[in-house]
Amino acid sequence: MNLPNCLTVIRLCLVPLFVLCFFCPPGGFVLMPLIILLLAGLTDVLDGFIARKYHLITQLGQFLDPLADKVTILAVVCCLAIRHPPLRILMVLYVVKEVTLVSIGYFLLRSWRNSPPAKWYGKAATVSLYAIFFLLLIFPGFPDQWLYPLMAVPAIFMILSFIFYLKEIKKRNQRL
């Protein structure tokens, strides 16, 4: 296993640590989940940079990296949705989008290896989700009623990315 894949595995291991620290912050240190999430983000950036720069891209990495992204986002949005019920809308939207795309993509494209790579609209959805995550981790008492307008941006990007990825999967399926 090369260094980028090890970093991705570390990121996967940070997910249960995030959940544990979210619900039981060590010593009452409520910013610990934020620090863990930042560390996960750093490993994500580093593994991609190292893999591209040193030509260490592997099939395992192409599978594990998006898996780690999805597992991390799912864990964070579920934890935050418990504390901030309006986020349940984004949680459901995220789960439906990912389960549908993975299922359709796998069955139509016959393998995760044929999946379309990340595109700008998927990255925009992720960045807008993380903006809300960081806001709520920095300010845990953020008023729920103020979340509704903020949730519109990631919701729109998730819906757009869902539509565009479906089109990309359909194109790739026609080529197979």
C-alpha atoms as a PDB file:
ATOM      1  CA  MET A   1       0.000   0.000   0.000  1.00  0.00           C
ATOM      2  CA  ASN A   2       1.479   3.339  -1.019  1.00  0.00           C
ATOM      3  CA  LEU A   3       1.515   6.616   0.964  1.00  0.00           C
ATOM      4  CA  PRO A   4      -1.601   8.192  -0.626  1.00  0.00           C
ATOM      5  CA  ASN A   5      -3.621   5.057   0.106  1.00  0.00           C
ATOM      6  CA  CYS A   6      -2.321   5.009   3.698  1.00  0.00           C
ATOM      7  CA  LEU A   7      -3.458   8.622   4.101  1.00  0.00           C
ATOM      8  CA  THR A   8      -6.897   7.665   2.799  1.00  0.00           C
ATOM      9  CA  VAL A   9      -7.095   4.784   5.288  1.00  0.00           C
ATOM     10  CA  ILE A  10      -6.136   7.221   8.060  1.00  0.00           C
ATOM     11  CA  ARG A  11      -8.978   9.471   6.894  1.00  0.00           C
ATOM     12  CA  LEU A  12     -11.384   6.552   7.122  1.00  0.00           C
ATOM     13  CA  CYS A  13     -10.128   5.831  10.643  1.00  0.00           C
ATOM     14  CA  LEU A  14     -10.764   9.449  11.633  1.00  0.00           C
ATOM     15  CA  VAL A  15     -14.505   9.025  10.995  1.00  0.00           C
ATOM     16  CA  PRO A  16     -15.317   6.998  14.139  1.00  0.00           C
ATOM     17  CA  LEU A  17     -12.977   9.262  16.112  1.00  0.00           C
ATOM     18  CA  PHE A  18     -14.943  12.285  14.871  1.00  0.00           C
ATOM     19  CA  VAL A  19     -18.239  10.675  15.910  1.00  0.00           C
ATOM     20  CA  LEU A  20     -16.892   9.772  19.351  1.00  0.00           C
ATOM     21  CA  CYS A  21     -15.491  13.263  19.958  1.00  0.00           C
ATOM     22  CA  PHE A  22     -18.667  14.884  18.635  1.00  0.00           C
ATOM     23  CA  PHE A  23     -20.807  13.165  21.236  1.00  0.00           C
ATOM     24  CA  CYS A  24     -18.202  12.916  24.016  1.00  0.00           C
ATOM     25  CA  PRO A  25     -15.648  15.703  23.574  1.00  0.00           C
ATOM     26  CA  PRO A  26     -12.514  14.850  25.552  1.00  0.00           C
ATOM     27  CA  GLY A  27     -12.226  17.099  28.572  1.00  0.00           C
ATOM     28  CA  GLY A  28     -15.158  19.144  27.293  1.00  0.00           C
ATOM     29  CA  PHE A  29     -13.024  20.333  24.371  1.00  0.00           C
ATOM     30  CA  VAL A  30     -15.913  20.966  21.975  1.00  0.00           C
ATOM     31  CA  LEU A  31     -13.638  21.990  19.094  1.00  0.00           C
ATOM     32  CA  MET A  32     -12.041  18.526  18.914  1.00  0.00           C
ATOM     33  CA  PRO A  33     -14.474  17.317  16.183  1.00  0.00           C
ATOM     34  CA  LEU A  34     -13.568  20.400  14.141  1.00  0.00           C
ATOM     35  CA  ILE A  35      -9.860  19.627  14.511  1.00  0.00           C
ATOM     36  CA  ILE A  36     -10.456  16.020  13.460  1.00  0.00           C
ATOM     37  CA  LEU A  37     -12.440  17.156  10.431  1.00  0.00           C
ATOM     38  CA  LEU A  38      -9.674  19.588   9.477  1.00  0.00           C
ATOM     39  CA  LEU A  39      -7.136  16.770   9.827  1.00  0.00           C
ATOM     40  CA  ALA A  40      -9.285  14.571   7.585  1.00  0.00           C
ATOM     41  CA  GLY A  41      -9.396  17.380   5.029  1.00  0.00           C
ATOM     42  CA  LEU A  42      -5.628  17.745   5.180  1.00  0.00           C
ATOM     43  CA  THR A  43      -5.111  14.022   4.558  1.00  0.00           C
ATOM     44  CA  ASP A  44      -7.551  14.252   1.623  1.00  0.00           C
ATOM     45  CA  VAL A  45      -5.598  17.099   0.021  1.00  0.00           C
ATOM     46  CA  LEU A  46      -2.248  15.436   0.702  1.00  0.00           C
ATOM     47  CA  ASP A  47      -3.190  12.022  -0.655  1.00  0.00           C
ATOM     48  CA  GLY A  48      -4.436  13.548  -3.908  1.00  0.00           C
ATOM     49  CA  PHE A  49      -1.409  15.810  -4.267  1.00  0.00           C
ATOM     50  CA  ILE A  50       1.112  13.042  -3.580  1.00  0.00           C
ATOM     51  CA  ALA A  51      -0.687  10.536  -5.829  1.00  0.00           C
ATOM     52  CA  ARG A  52      -0.729  12.946  -8.790  1.00  0.00           C
ATOM     53  CA  LYS A  53       2.732  14.454  -8.289  1.00  0.00           C
ATOM     54  CA  TYR A  54       4.536  11.128  -7.866  1.00  0.00           C
ATOM     55  CA  HIS A  55       2.307   9.066 -10.195  1.00  0.00           C
ATOM     56  CA  LEU A  56       1.050   6.892  -7.344  1.00  0.00           C
ATOM     57  CA  ILE A  57      -2.544   6.670  -8.539  1.00  0.00           C
ATOM     58  CA  THR A  58      -3.863   3.143  -7.998  1.00  0.00           C
ATOM     59  CA  GLN A  59      -7.172   1.387  -8.526  1.00  0.00           C
ATOM     60  CA  LEU A  60      -7.391   0.906  -4.771  1.00  0.00           C
ATOM     61  CA  GLY A  61      -6.921   4.643  -4.253  1.00  0.00           C
ATOM     62  CA  GLN A  62      -9.512   5.446  -6.918  1.00  0.00           C
ATOM     63  CA  PHE A  63     -11.962   3.324  -4.941  1.00  0.00           C
ATOM     64  CA  LEU A  64     -10.967   4.282  -1.376  1.00  0.00           C
ATOM     65  CA  ASP A  65     -10.694   8.056  -1.837  1.00  0.00           C
ATOM     66  CA  PRO A  66     -14.309   8.704  -2.907  1.00  0.00           C
ATOM     67  CA  LEU A  67     -15.462   6.118  -0.353  1.00  0.00           C
ATOM     68  CA  ALA A  68     -13.638   8.014   2.402  1.00  0.00           C
ATOM     69  CA  ASP A  69     -15.192  11.270   1.166  1.00  0.00           C
ATOM     70  CA  LYS A  70     -18.703   9.819   1.250  1.00  0.00           C
ATOM     71  CA  VAL A  71     -18.283   8.127   4.643  1.00  0.00           C
ATOM     72  CA  THR A  72     -16.840  11.314   6.173  1.00  0.00           C
ATOM     73  CA  ILE A  73     -19.636  13.533   4.856  1.00  0.00           C
ATOM     74  CA  LEU A  74     -22.297  11.040   5.902  1.00  0.00           C
ATOM     75  CA  ALA A  75     -20.929  10.785   9.443  1.00  0.00           C
ATOM     76  CA  VAL A  76     -20.622  14.546   9.862  1.00  0.00           C
ATOM     77  CA  VAL A  77     -24.045  15.368   8.441  1.00  0.00           C
ATOM     78  CA  CYS A  78     -25.682  12.655  10.577  1.00  0.00           C
ATOM     79  CA  CYS A  79     -23.993  13.901  13.758  1.00  0.00           C
ATOM     80  CA  LEU A  80     -24.872  17.511  13.047  1.00  0.00           C
ATOM     81  CA  ALA A  81     -28.449  16.606  12.069  1.00  0.00           C
ATOM     82  CA  ILE A  82     -28.975  15.163  15.534  1.00  0.00           C
ATOM     83  CA  ARG A  83     -28.022  18.487  17.091  1.00  0.00           C
ATOM     84  CA  HIS A  84     -29.591  20.641  14.336  1.00  0.00           C
ATOM     85  CA  PRO A  85     -32.802  18.992  13.020  1.00  0.00           C
ATOM     86  CA  PRO A  86     -33.074  21.201   9.891  1.00  0.00           C
ATOM     87  CA  LEU A  87     -29.941  19.442   8.578  1.00  0.00           C
ATOM     88  CA  ARG A  88     -31.976  16.261   8.274  1.00  0.00           C
ATOM     89  CA  ILE A  89     -33.155  17.645   4.940  1.00  0.00           C
ATOM     90  CA  LEU A  90     -29.567  17.758   3.647  1.00  0.00           C
ATOM     91  CA  MET A  91     -28.821  14.386   5.216  1.00  0.00           C
ATOM     92  CA  VAL A  92     -31.722  12.714   3.389  1.00  0.00           C
ATOM     93  CA  LEU A  93     -30.874  14.511   0.144  1.00  0.00           C
ATOM     94  CA  TYR A  94     -27.238  13.412   0.438  1.00  0.00           C
ATOM     95  CA  VAL A  95     -28.094   9.777   1.201  1.00  0.00           C
ATOM     96  CA  VAL A  96     -30.651   9.525  -1.613  1.00  0.00           C
ATOM     97  CA  LYS A  97     -28.247  11.141  -4.095  1.00  0.00           C
ATOM     98  CA  GLU A  98     -25.268   8.955  -3.194  1.00  0.00           C
ATOM     99  CA  VAL A  99     -27.150   5.653  -2.897  1.00  0.00           C
ATOM    100  CA  THR A 100     -28.939   6.276  -6.195  1.00  0.00           C
ATOM    101  CA  LEU A 101     -25.807   7.319  -8.089  1.00  0.00           C
ATOM    102  CA  VAL A 102     -23.693   4.487  -6.705  1.00  0.00           C
ATOM    103  CA  SER A 103     -26.419   1.910  -7.441  1.00  0.00           C
ATOM    104  CA  ILE A 104     -27.219   3.115 -10.942  1.00  0.00           C
ATOM    105  CA  GLY A 105     -23.556   3.712 -11.726  1.00  0.00           C
ATOM    106  CA  TYR A 106     -22.502   0.278 -10.563  1.00  0.00           C
ATOM    107  CA  PHE A 107     -25.237  -1.613 -12.397  1.00  0.00           C
ATOM    108  CA  LEU A 108     -25.051   0.389 -15.625  1.00  0.00           C
ATOM    109  CA  LEU A 109     -21.295   0.733 -15.765  1.00  0.00           C
ATOM    110  CA  ARG A 110     -20.721  -2.814 -14.480  1.00  0.00           C
ATOM    111  CA  SER A 111     -17.909  -1.700 -12.150  1.00  0.00           C
ATOM    112  CA  TRP A 112     -16.869   1.185  -9.914  1.00  0.00           C
ATOM    113  CA  ARG A 113     -13.771   1.493 -12.147  1.00  0.00           C
ATOM    114  CA  ASN A 114     -15.915   2.959 -14.944  1.00  0.00           C
ATOM    115  CA  SER A 115     -17.410   5.633 -12.664  1.00  0.00           C
ATOM    116  CA  PRO A 116     -17.074   9.235 -13.765  1.00  0.00           C
ATOM    117  CA  PRO A 117     -14.378  11.223 -11.978  1.00  0.00           C
ATOM    118  CA  ALA A 118     -15.258  14.116  -9.674  1.00  0.00           C
ATOM    119  CA  LYS A 119     -16.492  17.191 -11.514  1.00  0.00           C
ATOM    120  CA  TRP A 120     -16.802  20.845 -10.486  1.00  0.00           C
ATOM    121  CA  TYR A 121     -20.489  20.518  -9.559  1.00  0.00           C
ATOM    122  CA  GLY A 122     -19.768  17.640  -7.179  1.00  0.00           C
ATOM    123  CA  LYS A 123     -16.920  19.580  -5.622  1.00  0.00           C
ATOM    124  CA  ALA A 124     -19.171  22.658  -5.269  1.00  0.00           C
ATOM    125  CA  ALA A 125     -21.741  20.547  -3.407  1.00  0.00           C
ATOM    126  CA  THR A 126     -19.031  19.204  -1.118  1.00  0.00           C
ATOM    127  CA  VAL A 127     -17.465  22.611  -0.418  1.00  0.00           C
ATOM    128  CA  SER A 128     -20.847  24.167   0.371  1.00  0.00           C
ATOM    129  CA  LEU A 129     -21.662  21.280   2.727  1.00  0.00           C
ATOM    130  CA  TYR A 130     -18.318  21.666   4.491  1.00  0.00           C
ATOM    131  CA  ALA A 131     -18.938  25.402   4.916  1.00  0.00           C
ATOM    132  CA  ILE A 132     -22.078  24.586   6.915  1.00  0.00           C
ATOM    133  CA  PHE A 133     -20.250  21.820   8.807  1.00  0.00           C
ATOM    134  CA  PHE A 134     -17.472  24.170   9.888  1.00  0.00           C
ATOM    135  CA  LEU A 135     -19.943  26.904  10.837  1.00  0.00           C
ATOM    136  CA  LEU A 136     -21.885  24.501  13.076  1.00  0.00           C
ATOM    137  CA  LEU A 137     -18.764  22.956  14.592  1.00  0.00           C
ATOM    138  CA  ILE A 138     -17.310  26.378  15.414  1.00  0.00           C
ATOM    139  CA  PHE A 139     -20.669  27.724  16.660  1.00  0.00           C
ATOM    140  CA  PRO A 140     -22.575  24.725  18.083  1.00  0.00           C
ATOM    141  CA  GLY A 141     -25.345  27.009  19.342  1.00  0.00           C
ATOM    142  CA  PHE A 142     -26.052  28.424  15.869  1.00  0.00           C
ATOM    143  CA  PRO A 143     -29.817  29.081  15.628  1.00  0.00           C
ATOM    144  CA  ASP A 144     -31.604  26.375  13.638  1.00  0.00           C
ATOM    145  CA  GLN A 145     -33.986  28.831  11.969  1.00  0.00           C
ATOM    146  CA  TRP A 146     -30.982  30.520  10.306  1.00  0.00           C
ATOM    147  CA  LEU A 147     -29.913  27.229   8.765  1.00  0.00           C
ATOM    148  CA  TYR A 148     -32.762  27.052   6.259  1.00  0.00           C
ATOM    149  CA  PRO A 149     -31.495  29.792   3.930  1.00  0.00           C
ATOM    150  CA  LEU A 150     -27.905  28.552   4.295  1.00  0.00           C
ATOM    151  CA  MET A 151     -28.923  25.011   3.345  1.00  0.00           C
ATOM    152  CA  ALA A 152     -30.283  26.191  -0.019  1.00  0.00           C
ATOM    153  CA  VAL A 153     -26.807  26.431  -1.580  1.00  0.00           C
ATOM    154  CA  PRO A 154     -25.637  22.861  -0.862  1.00  0.00           C
ATOM    155  CA  ALA A 155     -29.122  21.532  -1.641  1.00  0.00           C
ATOM    156  CA  ILE A 156     -29.085  23.180  -5.080  1.00  0.00           C
ATOM    157  CA  PHE A 157     -25.563  21.931  -5.806  1.00  0.00           C
ATOM    158  CA  MET A 158     -26.472  18.407  -4.667  1.00  0.00           C
ATOM    159  CA  ILE A 159     -29.506  18.349  -6.955  1.00  0.00           C
ATOM    160  CA  LEU A 160     -27.482  19.718  -9.876  1.00  0.00           C
ATOM    161  CA  SER A 161     -24.646  17.262  -9.283  1.00  0.00           C
ATOM    162  CA  PHE A 162     -27.183  14.433  -9.102  1.00  0.00           C
ATOM    163  CA  ILE A 163     -28.612  15.407 -12.501  1.00  0.00           C
ATOM    164  CA  PHE A 164     -25.224  15.987 -14.154  1.00  0.00           C
ATOM    165  CA  TYR A 165     -23.689  12.774 -12.787  1.00  0.00           C
ATOM    166  CA  LEU A 166     -26.715  10.804 -14.017  1.00  0.00           C
ATOM    167  CA  LYS A 167     -26.117  12.263 -17.491  1.00  0.00           C
ATOM    168  CA  GLU A 168     -22.410  11.375 -17.274  1.00  0.00           C
ATOM    169  CA  ILE A 169     -23.235   7.810 -16.202  1.00  0.00           C
ATOM    170  CA  LYS A 170     -25.675   7.501 -19.121  1.00  0.00           C
ATOM    171  CA  LYS A 171     -22.977   8.695 -21.577  1.00  0.00           C
ATOM    172  CA  ARG A 172     -20.413   6.266 -20.192  1.00  0.00           C
ATOM    173  CA  ASN A 173     -22.940   3.426 -20.310  1.00  0.00           C
ATOM    174  CA  GLN A 174     -23.574   4.081 -24.008  1.00  0.00           C
ATOM    175  CA  ARG A 175     -19.817   3.862 -24.681  1.00  0.00           C
ATOM    176  CA  LEU A 176     -19.459   0.458 -22.968  1.00  0.00           C
END
